[in-house]
Amino acid sequence: MESFNHKLNAYIESWMGPRDQRVRGWLLLDNYPPTFALTIMYLLIVWIGPKYMRQRQPFSCRGLLVVYNLGLTLLSFYMFYEMVTAVWYGGYNFYCQDTHSAGEADNKIINVLWWYYFSKLIEFMDTIFFILRKNNHQITFLHIYHHASMLNIWWFVMNWVPCGHSYFGASLNSFIHVLMYSYYGLSAIPAMRPYLWWKKYITQGQLIQFFLTMSQTLCAVIWPCSFPRGWLYFQIGYMVTLILLFSNFYIQTYKKHSRFQKKEHKNGSVASINGHANGASPLEGVTQKKLRVE
């Protein structure tokens, strides 16, 4: 196995260049196969899990969901705070920041970004909870693509560009995750659900995040420094895929639902007047139907 890892590492470095030695020996970072294997396991669970649960009753997982989402909310806030303070006091250049020019600030960013990489493994639990609760309509192509790709992308980021210009998208994403996981954690408590109003704005925030990340990445292309251009072009391309997929999700979930509500109200349906029918909101029904199509 050691010989295989050595050959694979040599092959990867032959077309990506030498790795950043500051992360040598860090958990999961020395060799790519563990990250790849964890991703394959995740995809197998996505495939087998719903089949296993088909004839079984869904699990509530309410207590676990509160703890899990609270934990990720706190971790996301920690990462956001640490990155913002490191960049601010370390004098990072917004337009382009090299990976070997800010001393202690770089080291702090590397430490936080390792946690960001590891959090992408923890977030596989999002999908496992969907499976256990039989919320299979939420396991969309967008959901699987985003979760599976992020862990692998950040393995490569941590090995080649673990600081510098890599910080911006991660810090924005951590902030969005504070909003997202706090929402999901509170929504697991039935008494809190009537007071949760910001679900729609989470997707809007995610789209704004992708546009801002792409714009800031473009700055480093226009006003370059020593940060590798190949990573910049890759990030721009990846942001484009997320913008397209999340825009489609937003349109399917909210815009078409809005037209549905107007039509129902015009027809005088009970659901449109009372806001619910048979204990389920019309948004829930429309959303589930649309997401199954995806």
C-alpha atoms as a PDB file:
ATOM      1  CA  MET A   1       0.000   0.000   0.000  1.00  0.00           C
ATOM      2  CA  GLU A   2       2.844   2.369   0.848  1.00  0.00           C
ATOM      3  CA  SER A   3       4.426   1.713  -2.548  1.00  0.00           C
ATOM      4  CA  PHE A   4       1.095   2.426  -4.283  1.00  0.00           C
ATOM      5  CA  ASN A   5       0.680   5.709  -2.396  1.00  0.00           C
ATOM      6  CA  HIS A   6       4.238   6.723  -3.257  1.00  0.00           C
ATOM      7  CA  LYS A   7       3.683   6.068  -6.966  1.00  0.00           C
ATOM      8  CA  LEU A   8       0.332   7.861  -6.938  1.00  0.00           C
ATOM      9  CA  ASN A   9       1.820  10.860  -5.130  1.00  0.00           C
ATOM     10  CA  ALA A  10       4.682  10.981  -7.637  1.00  0.00           C
ATOM     11  CA  TYR A  11       2.227  10.842 -10.536  1.00  0.00           C
ATOM     12  CA  ILE A  12       0.003  13.623  -9.125  1.00  0.00           C
ATOM     13  CA  GLU A  13       3.018  15.834  -8.448  1.00  0.00           C
ATOM     14  CA  SER A  14       4.329  15.211 -11.968  1.00  0.00           C
ATOM     15  CA  TRP A  15       1.428  17.194 -13.427  1.00  0.00           C
ATOM     16  CA  MET A  16       0.543  19.486 -10.499  1.00  0.00           C
ATOM     17  CA  GLY A  17       3.993  20.416  -9.247  1.00  0.00           C
ATOM     18  CA  PRO A  18       5.495  20.017  -5.759  1.00  0.00           C
ATOM     19  CA  ARG A  19       3.209  20.074  -2.743  1.00  0.00           C
ATOM     20  CA  ASP A  20       3.180  22.603   0.046  1.00  0.00           C
ATOM     21  CA  GLN A  21       5.381  21.057   2.727  1.00  0.00           C
ATOM     22  CA  ARG A  22       3.640  22.907   5.570  1.00  0.00           C
ATOM     23  CA  VAL A  23       0.837  20.308   5.664  1.00  0.00           C
ATOM     24  CA  ARG A  24       3.016  17.179   5.590  1.00  0.00           C
ATOM     25  CA  GLY A  25       1.858  14.628   8.143  1.00  0.00           C
ATOM     26  CA  TRP A  26      -1.549  16.241   8.700  1.00  0.00           C
ATOM     27  CA  LEU A  27      -4.557  13.956   9.086  1.00  0.00           C
ATOM     28  CA  LEU A  28      -5.825  12.624   5.709  1.00  0.00           C
ATOM     29  CA  LEU A  29      -3.588  14.937   3.661  1.00  0.00           C
ATOM     30  CA  ASP A  30      -0.483  12.867   2.882  1.00  0.00           C
ATOM     31  CA  ASN A  31      -2.216  10.478   0.474  1.00  0.00           C
ATOM     32  CA  TYR A  32      -5.253  10.915  -1.760  1.00  0.00           C
ATOM     33  CA  PRO A  33      -6.772   7.355  -1.579  1.00  0.00           C
ATOM     34  CA  PRO A  34      -8.396   7.816   1.885  1.00  0.00           C
ATOM     35  CA  THR A  35     -10.288  10.925   0.705  1.00  0.00           C
ATOM     36  CA  PHE A  36     -11.274   9.179  -2.528  1.00  0.00           C
ATOM     37  CA  ALA A  37     -12.359   6.033  -0.644  1.00  0.00           C
ATOM     38  CA  LEU A  38     -14.504   8.071   1.764  1.00  0.00           C
ATOM     39  CA  THR A  39     -16.184   9.699  -1.236  1.00  0.00           C
ATOM     40  CA  ILE A  40     -16.902   6.290  -2.817  1.00  0.00           C
ATOM     41  CA  MET A  41     -18.361   5.095   0.498  1.00  0.00           C
ATOM     42  CA  TYR A  42     -20.565   8.194   0.576  1.00  0.00           C
ATOM     43  CA  LEU A  43     -21.839   7.534  -2.963  1.00  0.00           C
ATOM     44  CA  LEU A  44     -22.537   3.884  -2.100  1.00  0.00           C
ATOM     45  CA  ILE A  45     -24.566   4.989   0.933  1.00  0.00           C
ATOM     46  CA  VAL A  46     -26.508   7.397  -1.291  1.00  0.00           C
ATOM     47  CA  TRP A  47     -27.267   4.500  -3.653  1.00  0.00           C
ATOM     48  CA  ILE A  48     -27.941   1.713  -1.128  1.00  0.00           C
ATOM     49  CA  GLY A  49     -29.420   3.748   1.760  1.00  0.00           C
ATOM     50  CA  PRO A  50     -32.828   4.595   0.218  1.00  0.00           C
ATOM     51  CA  LYS A  51     -33.222   0.965  -0.918  1.00  0.00           C
ATOM     52  CA  TYR A  52     -32.493  -0.246   2.616  1.00  0.00           C
ATOM     53  CA  MET A  53     -34.978   2.227   4.136  1.00  0.00           C
ATOM     54  CA  ARG A  54     -37.743   1.591   1.567  1.00  0.00           C
ATOM     55  CA  GLN A  55     -39.650  -0.946   3.710  1.00  0.00           C
ATOM     56  CA  ARG A  56     -38.677   0.598   7.039  1.00  0.00           C
ATOM     57  CA  GLN A  57     -40.135   3.380   9.140  1.00  0.00           C
ATOM     58  CA  PRO A  58     -38.239   6.695   9.045  1.00  0.00           C
ATOM     59  CA  PHE A  59     -36.136   7.642  12.052  1.00  0.00           C
ATOM     60  CA  SER A  60     -36.895  10.916  13.826  1.00  0.00           C
ATOM     61  CA  CYS A  61     -33.257  11.821  14.665  1.00  0.00           C
ATOM     62  CA  ARG A  62     -34.564  15.014  16.281  1.00  0.00           C
ATOM     63  CA  GLY A  63     -32.095  15.138  19.150  1.00  0.00           C
ATOM     64  CA  LEU A  64     -29.177  14.171  16.931  1.00  0.00           C
ATOM     65  CA  LEU A  65     -30.164  16.801  14.377  1.00  0.00           C
ATOM     66  CA  VAL A  66     -30.187  19.562  16.985  1.00  0.00           C
ATOM     67  CA  VAL A  67     -26.725  18.560  18.279  1.00  0.00           C
ATOM     68  CA  TYR A  68     -25.287  17.982  14.784  1.00  0.00           C
ATOM     69  CA  ASN A  69     -26.521  21.272  13.349  1.00  0.00           C
ATOM     70  CA  LEU A  70     -25.548  23.237  16.447  1.00  0.00           C
ATOM     71  CA  GLY A  71     -22.064  21.722  16.241  1.00  0.00           C
ATOM     72  CA  LEU A  72     -21.663  22.677  12.575  1.00  0.00           C
ATOM     73  CA  THR A  73     -23.032  26.150  13.283  1.00  0.00           C
ATOM     74  CA  LEU A  74     -20.360  26.695  15.947  1.00  0.00           C
ATOM     75  CA  LEU A  75     -17.609  25.183  13.775  1.00  0.00           C
ATOM     76  CA  SER A  76     -18.627  27.375  10.827  1.00  0.00           C
ATOM     77  CA  PHE A  77     -18.646  30.492  13.000  1.00  0.00           C
ATOM     78  CA  TYR A  78     -15.204  29.581  14.391  1.00  0.00           C
ATOM     79  CA  MET A  79     -13.780  29.151  10.872  1.00  0.00           C
ATOM     80  CA  PHE A  80     -15.329  32.379   9.608  1.00  0.00           C
ATOM     81  CA  TYR A  81     -14.078  34.389  12.586  1.00  0.00           C
ATOM     82  CA  GLU A  82     -10.562  32.931  12.473  1.00  0.00           C
ATOM     83  CA  MET A  83     -10.166  33.524   8.737  1.00  0.00           C
ATOM     84  CA  VAL A  84     -11.473  37.079   8.839  1.00  0.00           C
ATOM     85  CA  THR A  85      -9.219  38.049  11.759  1.00  0.00           C
ATOM     86  CA  ALA A  86      -6.163  36.332  10.225  1.00  0.00           C
ATOM     87  CA  VAL A  87      -6.679  38.102   6.900  1.00  0.00           C
ATOM     88  CA  TRP A  88      -7.366  41.459   8.547  1.00  0.00           C
ATOM     89  CA  TYR A  89      -4.404  41.491  10.919  1.00  0.00           C
ATOM     90  CA  GLY A  90      -2.127  39.633   8.500  1.00  0.00           C
ATOM     91  CA  GLY A  91      -2.518  42.313   5.840  1.00  0.00           C
ATOM     92  CA  TYR A  92      -3.819  40.042   3.097  1.00  0.00           C
ATOM     93  CA  ASN A  93      -4.273  41.715  -0.301  1.00  0.00           C
ATOM     94  CA  PHE A  94      -7.904  41.412  -1.445  1.00  0.00           C
ATOM     95  CA  TYR A  95      -7.046  41.413  -5.155  1.00  0.00           C
ATOM     96  CA  CYS A  96      -4.397  38.689  -5.071  1.00  0.00           C
ATOM     97  CA  GLN A  97      -2.556  36.985  -2.222  1.00  0.00           C
ATOM     98  CA  ASP A  98       0.348  34.576  -2.637  1.00  0.00           C
ATOM     99  CA  THR A  99       0.642  31.445  -0.477  1.00  0.00           C
ATOM    100  CA  HIS A 100       4.091  32.246   0.975  1.00  0.00           C
ATOM    101  CA  SER A 101       4.097  35.936   1.833  1.00  0.00           C
ATOM    102  CA  ALA A 102       2.221  36.580   5.080  1.00  0.00           C
ATOM    103  CA  GLY A 103       4.110  34.543   7.689  1.00  0.00           C
ATOM    104  CA  GLU A 104       2.020  33.797  10.772  1.00  0.00           C
ATOM    105  CA  ALA A 105      -1.219  34.792   9.023  1.00  0.00           C
ATOM    106  CA  ASP A 106      -0.574  32.083   6.419  1.00  0.00           C
ATOM    107  CA  ASN A 107      -0.036  29.492   9.158  1.00  0.00           C
ATOM    108  CA  LYS A 108      -3.278  30.472  10.850  1.00  0.00           C
ATOM    109  CA  ILE A 109      -5.204  30.270   7.567  1.00  0.00           C
ATOM    110  CA  ILE A 110      -3.723  26.821   6.849  1.00  0.00           C
ATOM    111  CA  ASN A 111      -4.875  25.531  10.243  1.00  0.00           C
ATOM    112  CA  VAL A 112      -8.398  26.873   9.765  1.00  0.00           C
ATOM    113  CA  LEU A 113      -8.647  25.608   6.192  1.00  0.00           C
ATOM    114  CA  TRP A 114      -7.745  22.104   7.359  1.00  0.00           C
ATOM    115  CA  TRP A 115     -10.828  22.251   9.553  1.00  0.00           C
ATOM    116  CA  TYR A 116     -12.762  23.537   6.558  1.00  0.00           C
ATOM    117  CA  TYR A 117     -11.581  20.534   4.518  1.00  0.00           C
ATOM    118  CA  PHE A 118     -12.483  18.145   7.373  1.00  0.00           C
ATOM    119  CA  SER A 119     -15.902  19.776   7.771  1.00  0.00           C
ATOM    120  CA  LYS A 120     -16.724  18.615   4.234  1.00  0.00           C
ATOM    121  CA  LEU A 121     -16.350  15.049   5.501  1.00  0.00           C
ATOM    122  CA  ILE A 122     -18.580  15.783   8.504  1.00  0.00           C
ATOM    123  CA  GLU A 123     -21.199  17.250   6.150  1.00  0.00           C
ATOM    124  CA  PHE A 124     -21.702  13.842   4.519  1.00  0.00           C
ATOM    125  CA  MET A 125     -23.994  13.342   7.510  1.00  0.00           C
ATOM    126  CA  ASP A 126     -26.454  15.790   5.886  1.00  0.00           C
ATOM    127  CA  THR A 127     -27.268  13.113   3.318  1.00  0.00           C
ATOM    128  CA  ILE A 128     -27.266  10.243   5.813  1.00  0.00           C
ATOM    129  CA  PHE A 129     -29.870  12.068   7.910  1.00  0.00           C
ATOM    130  CA  PHE A 130     -32.001  12.581   4.778  1.00  0.00           C
ATOM    131  CA  ILE A 131     -31.819   8.834   4.135  1.00  0.00           C
ATOM    132  CA  LEU A 132     -32.647   7.843   7.728  1.00  0.00           C
ATOM    133  CA  ARG A 133     -35.617  10.248   7.792  1.00  0.00           C
ATOM    134  CA  LYS A 134     -36.687   9.098   4.283  1.00  0.00           C
ATOM    135  CA  ASN A 135     -36.459  12.636   2.919  1.00  0.00           C
ATOM    136  CA  ASN A 136     -35.246  11.239  -0.395  1.00  0.00           C
ATOM    137  CA  HIS A 137     -36.646  14.208  -2.345  1.00  0.00           C
ATOM    138  CA  GLN A 138     -33.823  16.289  -0.848  1.00  0.00           C
ATOM    139  CA  ILE A 139     -31.101  14.000  -2.233  1.00  0.00           C
ATOM    140  CA  THR A 140     -30.816  15.776  -5.585  1.00  0.00           C
ATOM    141  CA  PHE A 141     -28.016  15.807  -8.133  1.00  0.00           C
ATOM    142  CA  LEU A 142     -27.040  19.267  -6.840  1.00  0.00           C
ATOM    143  CA  HIS A 143     -26.840  17.966  -3.264  1.00  0.00           C
ATOM    144  CA  ILE A 144     -24.693  14.927  -4.155  1.00  0.00           C
ATOM    145  CA  TYR A 145     -22.457  16.822  -6.614  1.00  0.00           C
ATOM    146  CA  HIS A 146     -21.751  19.586  -4.125  1.00  0.00           C
ATOM    147  CA  HIS A 147     -21.004  17.278  -1.177  1.00  0.00           C
ATOM    148  CA  ALA A 148     -18.901  14.750  -3.088  1.00  0.00           C
ATOM    149  CA  SER A 149     -16.866  17.288  -5.037  1.00  0.00           C
ATOM    150  CA  MET A 150     -16.009  19.659  -2.181  1.00  0.00           C
ATOM    151  CA  LEU A 151     -14.143  17.106  -0.070  1.00  0.00           C
ATOM    152  CA  ASN A 152     -11.971  16.082  -3.028  1.00  0.00           C
ATOM    153  CA  ILE A 153     -11.350  19.626  -4.266  1.00  0.00           C
ATOM    154  CA  TRP A 154     -10.231  20.725  -0.836  1.00  0.00           C
ATOM    155  CA  TRP A 155      -7.816  17.805  -0.493  1.00  0.00           C
ATOM    156  CA  PHE A 156      -5.983  19.202  -3.511  1.00  0.00           C
ATOM    157  CA  VAL A 157      -6.293  22.797  -2.281  1.00  0.00           C
ATOM    158  CA  MET A 158      -4.805  21.866   1.096  1.00  0.00           C
ATOM    159  CA  ASN A 159      -1.861  20.127  -0.559  1.00  0.00           C
ATOM    160  CA  TRP A 160      -0.982  22.840  -3.089  1.00  0.00           C
ATOM    161  CA  VAL A 161      -2.552  26.196  -2.168  1.00  0.00           C
ATOM    162  CA  PRO A 162      -3.563  25.917   1.527  1.00  0.00           C
ATOM    163  CA  CYS A 163      -3.577  29.668   2.191  1.00  0.00           C
ATOM    164  CA  GLY A 164      -3.307  32.942   0.297  1.00  0.00           C
ATOM    165  CA  HIS A 165      -6.095  33.570  -2.208  1.00  0.00           C
ATOM    166  CA  SER A 166      -7.809  30.293  -1.231  1.00  0.00           C
ATOM    167  CA  TYR A 167      -9.280  31.829   1.913  1.00  0.00           C
ATOM    168  CA  PHE A 168     -12.060  33.965   0.386  1.00  0.00           C
ATOM    169  CA  GLY A 169     -14.546  31.358  -0.829  1.00  0.00           C
ATOM    170  CA  ALA A 170     -14.072  29.285   2.326  1.00  0.00           C
ATOM    171  CA  SER A 171     -14.713  32.252   4.617  1.00  0.00           C
ATOM    172  CA  LEU A 172     -17.887  33.240   2.751  1.00  0.00           C
ATOM    173  CA  ASN A 173     -19.087  29.643   2.706  1.00  0.00           C
ATOM    174  CA  SER A 174     -18.495  29.362   6.450  1.00  0.00           C
ATOM    175  CA  PHE A 175     -20.639  32.446   7.046  1.00  0.00           C
ATOM    176  CA  ILE A 176     -23.461  31.041   4.894  1.00  0.00           C
ATOM    177  CA  HIS A 177     -23.208  27.768   6.802  1.00  0.00           C
ATOM    178  CA  VAL A 178     -23.726  29.618  10.083  1.00  0.00           C
ATOM    179  CA  LEU A 179     -27.091  30.763   8.708  1.00  0.00           C
ATOM    180  CA  MET A 180     -27.907  27.402   7.110  1.00  0.00           C
ATOM    181  CA  TYR A 181     -27.063  25.033   9.953  1.00  0.00           C
ATOM    182  CA  SER A 182     -28.615  27.297  12.579  1.00  0.00           C
ATOM    183  CA  TYR A 183     -31.818  27.202  10.507  1.00  0.00           C
ATOM    184  CA  TYR A 184     -31.774  23.411  10.207  1.00  0.00           C
ATOM    185  CA  GLY A 185     -30.927  22.965  13.875  1.00  0.00           C
ATOM    186  CA  LEU A 186     -33.777  25.197  15.016  1.00  0.00           C
ATOM    187  CA  SER A 187     -36.213  23.660  12.514  1.00  0.00           C
ATOM    188  CA  ALA A 188     -35.657  20.285  14.198  1.00  0.00           C
ATOM    189  CA  ILE A 189     -37.466  21.781  17.217  1.00  0.00           C
ATOM    190  CA  PRO A 190     -41.207  21.952  16.306  1.00  0.00           C
ATOM    191  CA  ALA A 191     -41.906  24.898  18.616  1.00  0.00           C
ATOM    192  CA  MET A 192     -39.324  27.000  16.767  1.00  0.00           C
ATOM    193  CA  ARG A 193     -40.586  26.417  13.221  1.00  0.00           C
ATOM    194  CA  PRO A 194     -43.128  29.297  13.102  1.00  0.00           C
ATOM    195  CA  TYR A 195     -40.329  31.763  13.876  1.00  0.00           C
ATOM    196  CA  LEU A 196     -37.925  30.640  11.133  1.00  0.00           C
ATOM    197  CA  TRP A 197     -38.228  33.060   8.236  1.00  0.00           C
ATOM    198  CA  TRP A 198     -34.831  32.993   6.543  1.00  0.00           C
ATOM    199  CA  LYS A 199     -34.846  29.684   4.626  1.00  0.00           C
ATOM    200  CA  LYS A 200     -35.506  31.368   1.251  1.00  0.00           C
ATOM    201  CA  TYR A 201     -32.684  33.841   1.851  1.00  0.00           C
ATOM    202  CA  ILE A 202     -30.162  31.047   2.490  1.00  0.00           C
ATOM    203  CA  THR A 203     -30.264  30.053  -1.189  1.00  0.00           C
ATOM    204  CA  GLN A 204     -30.042  33.721  -2.201  1.00  0.00           C
ATOM    205  CA  GLY A 205     -27.024  34.065   0.085  1.00  0.00           C
ATOM    206  CA  GLN A 206     -25.417  31.001  -1.481  1.00  0.00           C
ATOM    207  CA  LEU A 207     -25.830  32.470  -4.961  1.00  0.00           C
ATOM    208  CA  ILE A 208     -24.404  35.819  -3.827  1.00  0.00           C
ATOM    209  CA  GLN A 209     -21.497  33.897  -2.265  1.00  0.00           C
ATOM    210  CA  PHE A 210     -20.708  32.162  -5.567  1.00  0.00           C
ATOM    211  CA  PHE A 211     -20.817  35.415  -7.542  1.00  0.00           C
ATOM    212  CA  LEU A 212     -18.595  37.193  -4.988  1.00  0.00           C
ATOM    213  CA  THR A 213     -16.110  34.302  -4.930  1.00  0.00           C
ATOM    214  CA  MET A 214     -15.933  34.249  -8.724  1.00  0.00           C
ATOM    215  CA  SER A 215     -15.482  38.039  -8.819  1.00  0.00           C
ATOM    216  CA  GLN A 216     -12.696  37.983  -6.244  1.00  0.00           C
ATOM    217  CA  THR A 217     -11.002  35.135  -8.111  1.00  0.00           C
ATOM    218  CA  LEU A 218     -11.180  37.172 -11.314  1.00  0.00           C
ATOM    219  CA  CYS A 219      -9.365  39.987  -9.497  1.00  0.00           C
ATOM    220  CA  ALA A 220      -6.336  37.709  -9.130  1.00  0.00           C
ATOM    221  CA  VAL A 221      -6.479  36.975 -12.866  1.00  0.00           C
ATOM    222  CA  ILE A 222      -6.643  40.678 -13.764  1.00  0.00           C
ATOM    223  CA  TRP A 223      -4.120  41.842 -11.115  1.00  0.00           C
ATOM    224  CA  PRO A 224      -1.976  38.709 -10.702  1.00  0.00           C
ATOM    225  CA  CYS A 225       0.537  37.800  -8.027  1.00  0.00           C
ATOM    226  CA  SER A 226       2.414  34.541  -7.532  1.00  0.00           C
ATOM    227  CA  PHE A 227      -0.758  32.579  -6.790  1.00  0.00           C
ATOM    228  CA  PRO A 228      -1.013  29.795  -9.442  1.00  0.00           C
ATOM    229  CA  ARG A 229      -3.323  30.821 -12.300  1.00  0.00           C
ATOM    230  CA  GLY A 230      -4.470  27.239 -12.906  1.00  0.00           C
ATOM    231  CA  TRP A 231      -6.220  27.206  -9.533  1.00  0.00           C
ATOM    232  CA  LEU A 232      -7.921  30.496 -10.324  1.00  0.00           C
ATOM    233  CA  TYR A 233      -9.298  29.211 -13.623  1.00  0.00           C
ATOM    234  CA  PHE A 234     -10.477  25.997 -11.954  1.00  0.00           C
ATOM    235  CA  GLN A 235     -12.267  27.917  -9.202  1.00  0.00           C
ATOM    236  CA  ILE A 236     -14.017  30.167 -11.706  1.00  0.00           C
ATOM    237  CA  GLY A 237     -15.202  27.113 -13.653  1.00  0.00           C
ATOM    238  CA  TYR A 238     -16.434  25.374 -10.494  1.00  0.00           C
ATOM    239  CA  MET A 239     -18.293  28.509  -9.383  1.00  0.00           C
ATOM    240  CA  VAL A 240     -20.056  28.621 -12.760  1.00  0.00           C
ATOM    241  CA  THR A 241     -21.362  25.060 -12.237  1.00  0.00           C
ATOM    242  CA  LEU A 242     -22.638  25.952  -8.756  1.00  0.00           C
ATOM    243  CA  ILE A 243     -24.305  29.144  -9.972  1.00  0.00           C
ATOM    244  CA  LEU A 244     -26.128  27.217 -12.710  1.00  0.00           C
ATOM    245  CA  LEU A 245     -27.236  24.397 -10.395  1.00  0.00           C
ATOM    246  CA  PHE A 246     -28.270  26.612  -7.468  1.00  0.00           C
ATOM    247  CA  SER A 247     -30.096  29.033  -9.803  1.00  0.00           C
ATOM    248  CA  ASN A 248     -32.080  26.131 -11.219  1.00  0.00           C
ATOM    249  CA  PHE A 249     -32.877  24.936  -7.680  1.00  0.00           C
ATOM    250  CA  TYR A 250     -34.000  28.431  -6.666  1.00  0.00           C
ATOM    251  CA  ILE A 251     -36.271  28.801  -9.712  1.00  0.00           C
ATOM    252  CA  GLN A 252     -37.772  25.337  -9.270  1.00  0.00           C
ATOM    253  CA  THR A 253     -38.327  25.808  -5.538  1.00  0.00           C
ATOM    254  CA  TYR A 254     -39.442  29.407  -5.124  1.00  0.00           C
ATOM    255  CA  LYS A 255     -40.352  31.109  -8.387  1.00  0.00           C
ATOM    256  CA  LYS A 256     -42.578  28.328  -9.714  1.00  0.00           C
ATOM    257  CA  HIS A 257     -44.123  27.911  -6.269  1.00  0.00           C
ATOM    258  CA  SER A 258     -44.985  31.612  -6.248  1.00  0.00           C
ATOM    259  CA  ARG A 259     -46.817  31.238  -9.576  1.00  0.00           C
ATOM    260  CA  PHE A 260     -48.564  28.133  -8.198  1.00  0.00           C
ATOM    261  CA  GLN A 261     -49.770  30.041  -5.146  1.00  0.00           C
ATOM    262  CA  LYS A 262     -51.139  32.884  -7.266  1.00  0.00           C
ATOM    263  CA  LYS A 263     -53.003  30.425  -9.480  1.00  0.00           C
ATOM    264  CA  GLU A 264     -54.462  28.606  -6.466  1.00  0.00           C
ATOM    265  CA  HIS A 265     -55.540  31.882  -4.871  1.00  0.00           C
ATOM    266  CA  LYS A 266     -57.233  32.981  -8.097  1.00  0.00           C
ATOM    267  CA  ASN A 267     -59.124  29.693  -8.201  1.00  0.00           C
ATOM    268  CA  GLY A 268     -60.174  30.152  -4.577  1.00  0.00           C
ATOM    269  CA  SER A 269     -58.724  26.893  -3.307  1.00  0.00           C
ATOM    270  CA  VAL A 270     -58.784  26.133   0.424  1.00  0.00           C
ATOM    271  CA  ALA A 271     -55.026  25.569   0.454  1.00  0.00           C
ATOM    272  CA  SER A 272     -54.326  29.041  -0.917  1.00  0.00           C
ATOM    273  CA  ILE A 273     -56.657  30.707   1.563  1.00  0.00           C
ATOM    274  CA  ASN A 274     -55.677  28.820   4.711  1.00  0.00           C
ATOM    275  CA  GLY A 275     -52.031  28.377   3.744  1.00  0.00           C
ATOM    276  CA  HIS A 276     -52.079  24.661   4.372  1.00  0.00           C
ATOM    277  CA  ALA A 277     -53.973  21.508   3.480  1.00  0.00           C
ATOM    278  CA  ASN A 278     -53.944  18.140   5.271  1.00  0.00           C
ATOM    279  CA  GLY A 279     -51.226  19.396   7.606  1.00  0.00           C
ATOM    280  CA  ALA A 280     -48.690  20.207   4.851  1.00  0.00           C
ATOM    281  CA  SER A 281     -47.897  23.569   3.382  1.00  0.00           C
ATOM    282  CA  PRO A 282     -48.284  23.998  -0.372  1.00  0.00           C
ATOM    283  CA  LEU A 283     -44.590  24.951  -0.526  1.00  0.00           C
ATOM    284  CA  GLU A 284     -43.626  21.598   0.900  1.00  0.00           C
ATOM    285  CA  GLY A 285     -45.707  19.729  -1.642  1.00  0.00           C
ATOM    286  CA  VAL A 286     -44.491  21.728  -4.624  1.00  0.00           C
ATOM    287  CA  THR A 287     -40.879  21.632  -3.461  1.00  0.00           C
ATOM    288  CA  GLN A 288     -40.903  17.883  -3.027  1.00  0.00           C
ATOM    289  CA  LYS A 289     -42.455  17.372  -6.434  1.00  0.00           C
ATOM    290  CA  LYS A 290     -39.915  19.601  -8.156  1.00  0.00           C
ATOM    291  CA  LEU A 291     -36.944  18.135  -6.354  1.00  0.00           C
ATOM    292  CA  ARG A 292     -37.947  14.609  -7.329  1.00  0.00           C
ATOM    293  CA  VAL A 293     -37.745  15.705 -10.955  1.00  0.00           C
ATOM    294  CA  GLU A 294     -34.166  16.921 -10.408  1.00  0.00           C
END
